[in-house]
Amino acid sequence: MQVLPFTATSKTLPISVTATASSSTALPGQGNTVRVVNEGPNVAFLSIGSGTQTAVLPNSTPTATSTPVLAGTDVSFTIPNDQVYNISAICRANGTATLDLQVGEGA
């Protein structure tokens, strides 16, 4: 399978993240990959999926609604490309971050 890069015209959605879970927001397009750039100084935890999402902080019970994205990193996750998915994000107490999201095909 050939992996294609994101196009230069991929839409970008910024999300401001605090210690309260952000509102569930539709990703800015459809594709098999979501790219997340964490501009902030803190780790952000994500929940990405179909329907309304609410990110939570990790605890002793493993959950799919607390995927970490380290500060200053650029990561990509695969997602099904059958519909528009939603995202919610949260930081630990007193933490903040700005996440920039893109959806496309590739890496």
N, C-alpha and C. Protein backbone atom coordinates (compact mmCIF):
# COMPACT_ATOMS: atom_id res chain seq x y z
N MET A 1 0.84 -1.18 0.00
CA MET A 1 0.00 0.00 0.00
C MET A 1 0.88 1.24 0.00
N GLN A 2 0.60 2.17 -0.85
CA GLN A 2 1.34 3.41 -0.94
C GLN A 2 0.80 4.41 0.08
N VAL A 3 1.69 5.02 0.86
CA VAL A 3 1.29 6.03 1.83
C VAL A 3 1.53 7.40 1.22
N LEU A 4 0.47 8.18 1.08
CA LEU A 4 0.55 9.50 0.49
C LEU A 4 0.59 10.56 1.58
N PRO A 5 1.32 11.65 1.38
CA PRO A 5 1.33 12.72 2.38
C PRO A 5 0.02 13.51 2.36
N PHE A 6 -0.21 14.25 3.43
CA PHE A 6 -1.35 15.17 3.46
C PHE A 6 -1.15 16.22 2.37
N THR A 7 -2.24 16.74 1.85
CA THR A 7 -2.13 17.81 0.87
C THR A 7 -1.88 19.14 1.58
N ALA A 8 -1.32 20.08 0.88
CA ALA A 8 -1.07 21.41 1.45
C ALA A 8 -2.36 22.17 1.70
N THR A 9 -3.46 21.68 1.15
CA THR A 9 -4.74 22.36 1.34
C THR A 9 -5.64 21.65 2.36
N SER A 10 -5.07 20.72 3.15
CA SER A 10 -5.87 20.07 4.19
C SER A 10 -6.36 21.12 5.18
N LYS A 11 -7.63 21.07 5.52
CA LYS A 11 -8.18 22.03 6.47
C LYS A 11 -7.60 21.77 7.86
N THR A 12 -7.36 22.84 8.60
CA THR A 12 -6.82 22.75 9.95
C THR A 12 -7.82 23.31 10.93
N LEU A 13 -8.07 22.57 12.01
CA LEU A 13 -8.99 22.99 13.06
C LEU A 13 -8.20 23.13 14.36
N PRO A 14 -8.10 24.35 14.93
CA PRO A 14 -7.46 24.50 16.23
C PRO A 14 -8.46 24.27 17.36
N ILE A 15 -8.00 23.63 18.42
CA ILE A 15 -8.82 23.42 19.62
C ILE A 15 -8.03 23.90 20.83
N SER A 16 -8.63 24.78 21.62
CA SER A 16 -8.03 25.22 22.87
C SER A 16 -8.42 24.22 23.95
N VAL A 17 -7.42 23.76 24.70
CA VAL A 17 -7.65 22.72 25.68
C VAL A 17 -7.29 23.23 27.07
N THR A 18 -8.15 22.92 28.04
CA THR A 18 -7.93 23.28 29.43
C THR A 18 -8.20 22.04 30.30
N ALA A 19 -8.33 22.25 31.60
CA ALA A 19 -8.59 21.15 32.53
C ALA A 19 -10.05 20.70 32.51
N THR A 20 -10.86 21.31 31.68
CA THR A 20 -12.24 20.87 31.46
C THR A 20 -12.33 20.33 30.03
N ALA A 21 -12.94 19.18 29.87
CA ALA A 21 -13.02 18.58 28.54
C ALA A 21 -13.65 19.55 27.54
N SER A 22 -13.02 19.68 26.39
CA SER A 22 -13.57 20.55 25.34
C SER A 22 -14.86 19.96 24.81
N SER A 23 -15.66 20.81 24.21
CA SER A 23 -16.90 20.34 23.58
C SER A 23 -16.56 19.35 22.47
N SER A 24 -17.43 18.40 22.25
CA SER A 24 -17.26 17.46 21.16
C SER A 24 -17.38 18.23 19.85
N THR A 25 -16.37 18.14 19.01
CA THR A 25 -16.29 18.91 17.77
C THR A 25 -16.00 17.98 16.60
N ALA A 26 -16.64 18.20 15.48
CA ALA A 26 -16.40 17.40 14.29
C ALA A 26 -15.00 17.67 13.75
N LEU A 27 -14.29 16.60 13.37
CA LEU A 27 -13.00 16.76 12.72
C LEU A 27 -13.21 17.49 11.39
N PRO A 28 -12.19 18.20 10.90
CA PRO A 28 -12.37 19.05 9.72
C PRO A 28 -12.35 18.32 8.38
N GLY A 29 -12.86 17.13 8.32
CA GLY A 29 -12.91 16.41 7.06
C GLY A 29 -12.95 14.92 7.28
N GLN A 30 -12.90 14.17 6.19
CA GLN A 30 -12.88 12.72 6.24
C GLN A 30 -11.59 12.22 5.64
N GLY A 31 -11.13 11.10 6.13
CA GLY A 31 -9.92 10.47 5.64
C GLY A 31 -9.55 9.35 6.58
N ASN A 32 -8.43 8.68 6.32
CA ASN A 32 -8.05 7.56 7.17
C ASN A 32 -7.01 7.93 8.22
N THR A 33 -6.62 9.20 8.27
CA THR A 33 -5.61 9.63 9.23
C THR A 33 -5.98 10.99 9.81
N VAL A 34 -5.83 11.12 11.13
CA VAL A 34 -5.97 12.43 11.76
C VAL A 34 -4.60 12.81 12.32
N ARG A 35 -4.16 13.99 11.94
CA ARG A 35 -2.88 14.53 12.39
C ARG A 35 -3.17 15.50 13.52
N VAL A 36 -2.43 15.37 14.63
CA VAL A 36 -2.60 16.23 15.79
C VAL A 36 -1.26 16.87 16.12
N VAL A 37 -1.21 18.20 16.10
CA VAL A 37 -0.02 18.94 16.50
C VAL A 37 -0.35 19.62 17.82
N ASN A 38 0.44 19.32 18.85
CA ASN A 38 0.23 19.92 20.17
C ASN A 38 1.19 21.09 20.31
N GLU A 39 0.69 22.31 20.12
CA GLU A 39 1.50 23.53 20.26
C GLU A 39 1.73 23.89 21.72
N GLY A 40 0.95 23.32 22.61
CA GLY A 40 0.94 23.74 24.00
C GLY A 40 2.10 23.20 24.82
N PRO A 41 2.21 23.72 26.05
CA PRO A 41 3.28 23.31 26.96
C PRO A 41 2.91 22.09 27.81
N ASN A 42 1.71 21.51 27.60
CA ASN A 42 1.26 20.40 28.43
C ASN A 42 0.73 19.24 27.60
N VAL A 43 0.72 18.07 28.21
CA VAL A 43 0.13 16.89 27.59
C VAL A 43 -1.37 17.10 27.46
N ALA A 44 -1.93 16.74 26.32
CA ALA A 44 -3.38 16.76 26.12
C ALA A 44 -3.84 15.32 25.94
N PHE A 45 -5.05 15.03 26.41
CA PHE A 45 -5.63 13.70 26.28
C PHE A 45 -6.84 13.79 25.37
N LEU A 46 -6.93 12.88 24.39
CA LEU A 46 -7.95 12.95 23.34
C LEU A 46 -8.95 11.82 23.42
N SER A 47 -10.13 12.10 22.94
CA SER A 47 -11.13 11.08 22.62
C SER A 47 -11.59 11.37 21.20
N ILE A 48 -11.39 10.41 20.29
CA ILE A 48 -11.81 10.56 18.90
C ILE A 48 -12.71 9.39 18.56
N GLY A 49 -13.89 9.67 17.99
CA GLY A 49 -14.78 8.60 17.60
C GLY A 49 -16.05 9.13 16.98
N SER A 50 -16.96 8.21 16.66
CA SER A 50 -18.23 8.63 16.08
C SER A 50 -19.16 9.05 17.22
N GLY A 51 -19.99 10.02 16.93
CA GLY A 51 -20.91 10.52 17.95
C GLY A 51 -20.20 11.46 18.92
N THR A 52 -20.94 11.90 19.91
CA THR A 52 -20.41 12.85 20.89
C THR A 52 -19.27 12.22 21.68
N GLN A 53 -18.18 12.97 21.83
CA GLN A 53 -17.00 12.51 22.55
C GLN A 53 -16.76 13.37 23.78
N THR A 54 -16.25 12.76 24.85
CA THR A 54 -15.84 13.49 26.04
C THR A 54 -14.52 12.89 26.52
N ALA A 55 -13.45 13.67 26.41
CA ALA A 55 -12.14 13.22 26.86
C ALA A 55 -12.10 13.17 28.38
N VAL A 56 -11.35 12.22 28.91
CA VAL A 56 -11.17 12.10 30.35
C VAL A 56 -9.69 11.94 30.66
N LEU A 57 -9.31 12.26 31.88
CA LEU A 57 -7.94 12.05 32.31
C LEU A 57 -7.74 10.57 32.60
N PRO A 58 -6.55 10.04 32.31
CA PRO A 58 -6.31 8.62 32.57
C PRO A 58 -6.34 8.32 34.06
N ASN A 59 -6.79 7.12 34.37
CA ASN A 59 -6.79 6.66 35.76
C ASN A 59 -6.47 5.17 35.76
N SER A 60 -6.79 4.47 36.81
CA SER A 60 -6.43 3.05 36.93
C SER A 60 -7.26 2.13 36.03
N THR A 61 -8.30 2.66 35.41
CA THR A 61 -9.12 1.87 34.49
C THR A 61 -8.77 2.27 33.06
N PRO A 62 -8.19 1.36 32.26
CA PRO A 62 -7.85 1.71 30.89
C PRO A 62 -9.09 2.17 30.12
N THR A 63 -8.93 3.24 29.33
CA THR A 63 -10.05 3.77 28.57
C THR A 63 -9.56 4.32 27.23
N ALA A 64 -10.42 4.26 26.23
CA ALA A 64 -10.09 4.79 24.90
C ALA A 64 -10.34 6.28 24.82
N THR A 65 -10.78 6.90 25.89
CA THR A 65 -11.10 8.34 25.86
C THR A 65 -10.03 9.19 26.53
N SER A 66 -8.81 8.64 26.63
CA SER A 66 -7.72 9.41 27.23
C SER A 66 -6.39 9.11 26.54
N THR A 67 -6.37 9.24 25.22
CA THR A 67 -5.15 9.03 24.44
C THR A 67 -4.24 10.25 24.59
N PRO A 68 -3.01 10.07 25.11
CA PRO A 68 -2.14 11.22 25.35
C PRO A 68 -1.43 11.71 24.08
N VAL A 69 -1.27 13.03 24.01
CA VAL A 69 -0.44 13.67 22.97
C VAL A 69 0.51 14.59 23.71
N LEU A 70 1.79 14.27 23.67
CA LEU A 70 2.79 15.03 24.41
C LEU A 70 2.93 16.46 23.90
N ALA A 71 3.33 17.34 24.78
CA ALA A 71 3.55 18.75 24.42
C ALA A 71 4.61 18.84 23.33
N GLY A 72 4.37 19.71 22.37
CA GLY A 72 5.35 19.96 21.32
C GLY A 72 5.51 18.83 20.32
N THR A 73 4.53 17.93 20.23
CA THR A 73 4.66 16.82 19.29
C THR A 73 3.66 16.92 18.15
N ASP A 74 3.93 16.14 17.12
CA ASP A 74 3.12 16.04 15.92
C ASP A 74 2.89 14.55 15.72
N VAL A 75 1.67 14.07 15.96
CA VAL A 75 1.38 12.64 15.84
C VAL A 75 0.21 12.42 14.89
N SER A 76 0.17 11.23 14.32
CA SER A 76 -0.92 10.85 13.43
C SER A 76 -1.54 9.56 13.92
N PHE A 77 -2.87 9.49 13.84
CA PHE A 77 -3.62 8.31 14.22
C PHE A 77 -4.46 7.85 13.05
N THR A 78 -4.60 6.55 12.87
CA THR A 78 -5.51 6.06 11.84
C THR A 78 -6.93 6.05 12.39
N ILE A 79 -7.86 6.36 11.51
CA ILE A 79 -9.28 6.33 11.85
C ILE A 79 -10.02 5.75 10.65
N PRO A 80 -11.20 5.18 10.85
CA PRO A 80 -11.99 4.74 9.70
C PRO A 80 -12.37 5.97 8.86
N ASN A 81 -12.47 5.80 7.56
CA ASN A 81 -12.81 6.94 6.70
C ASN A 81 -14.24 6.87 6.20
N ASP A 82 -15.11 6.24 6.99
CA ASP A 82 -16.49 6.04 6.55
C ASP A 82 -17.44 7.16 6.95
N GLN A 83 -16.98 8.09 7.80
CA GLN A 83 -17.84 9.18 8.25
C GLN A 83 -16.99 10.26 8.91
N VAL A 84 -17.61 11.37 9.22
CA VAL A 84 -16.91 12.42 9.97
C VAL A 84 -16.90 12.01 11.44
N TYR A 85 -15.73 12.09 12.06
CA TYR A 85 -15.59 11.74 13.47
C TYR A 85 -15.48 13.00 14.32
N ASN A 86 -15.69 12.84 15.61
CA ASN A 86 -15.65 13.95 16.56
C ASN A 86 -14.47 13.79 17.50
N ILE A 87 -14.08 14.92 18.12
CA ILE A 87 -12.97 14.93 19.05
C ILE A 87 -13.32 15.77 20.27
N SER A 88 -12.77 15.37 21.40
CA SER A 88 -12.79 16.16 22.63
C SER A 88 -11.40 16.01 23.23
N ALA A 89 -10.93 17.02 23.96
CA ALA A 89 -9.60 16.97 24.56
C ALA A 89 -9.62 17.61 25.94
N ILE A 90 -8.65 17.21 26.77
CA ILE A 90 -8.55 17.72 28.13
C ILE A 90 -7.08 17.72 28.56
N CYS A 91 -6.71 18.63 29.46
CA CYS A 91 -5.39 18.66 30.09
C CYS A 91 -5.56 18.42 31.59
N ARG A 92 -4.47 18.12 32.26
CA ARG A 92 -4.52 17.98 33.71
C ARG A 92 -4.76 19.35 34.34
N ALA A 93 -5.01 19.38 35.65
CA ALA A 93 -5.31 20.62 36.38
C ALA A 93 -4.30 21.71 36.06
N ASN A 94 -4.80 22.90 35.79
CA ASN A 94 -4.01 24.09 35.46
C ASN A 94 -3.25 23.99 34.15
N GLY A 95 -3.43 22.92 33.40
CA GLY A 95 -2.74 22.76 32.12
C GLY A 95 -3.54 23.35 30.98
N THR A 96 -2.82 23.76 29.93
CA THR A 96 -3.45 24.24 28.71
C THR A 96 -2.67 23.73 27.52
N ALA A 97 -3.32 23.71 26.39
CA ALA A 97 -2.67 23.33 25.13
C ALA A 97 -3.52 23.86 23.98
N THR A 98 -2.89 24.01 22.85
CA THR A 98 -3.61 24.29 21.61
C THR A 98 -3.28 23.13 20.67
N LEU A 99 -4.33 22.46 20.21
CA LEU A 99 -4.17 21.36 19.29
C LEU A 99 -4.59 21.81 17.90
N ASP A 100 -3.80 21.47 16.90
CA ASP A 100 -4.15 21.73 15.51
C ASP A 100 -4.41 20.37 14.86
N LEU A 101 -5.61 20.22 14.29
CA LEU A 101 -6.05 18.94 13.73
C LEU A 101 -6.22 19.04 12.23
N GLN A 102 -5.80 17.98 11.54
CA GLN A 102 -6.03 17.84 10.11
C GLN A 102 -6.45 16.40 9.85
N VAL A 103 -7.31 16.20 8.86
CA VAL A 103 -7.71 14.87 8.46
C VAL A 103 -7.38 14.71 6.99
N GLY A 104 -6.83 13.55 6.64
CA GLY A 104 -6.50 13.32 5.26
C GLY A 104 -6.16 11.85 5.02
N GLU A 105 -5.51 11.62 3.92
CA GLU A 105 -5.05 10.28 3.56
C GLU A 105 -3.53 10.30 3.62
N GLY A 106 -2.96 9.43 4.38
CA GLY A 106 -1.50 9.36 4.44
C GLY A 106 -0.95 9.60 5.80
N ALA A 107 0.24 10.17 5.82
CA ALA A 107 0.95 10.36 7.09
C ALA A 107 1.48 11.76 7.22
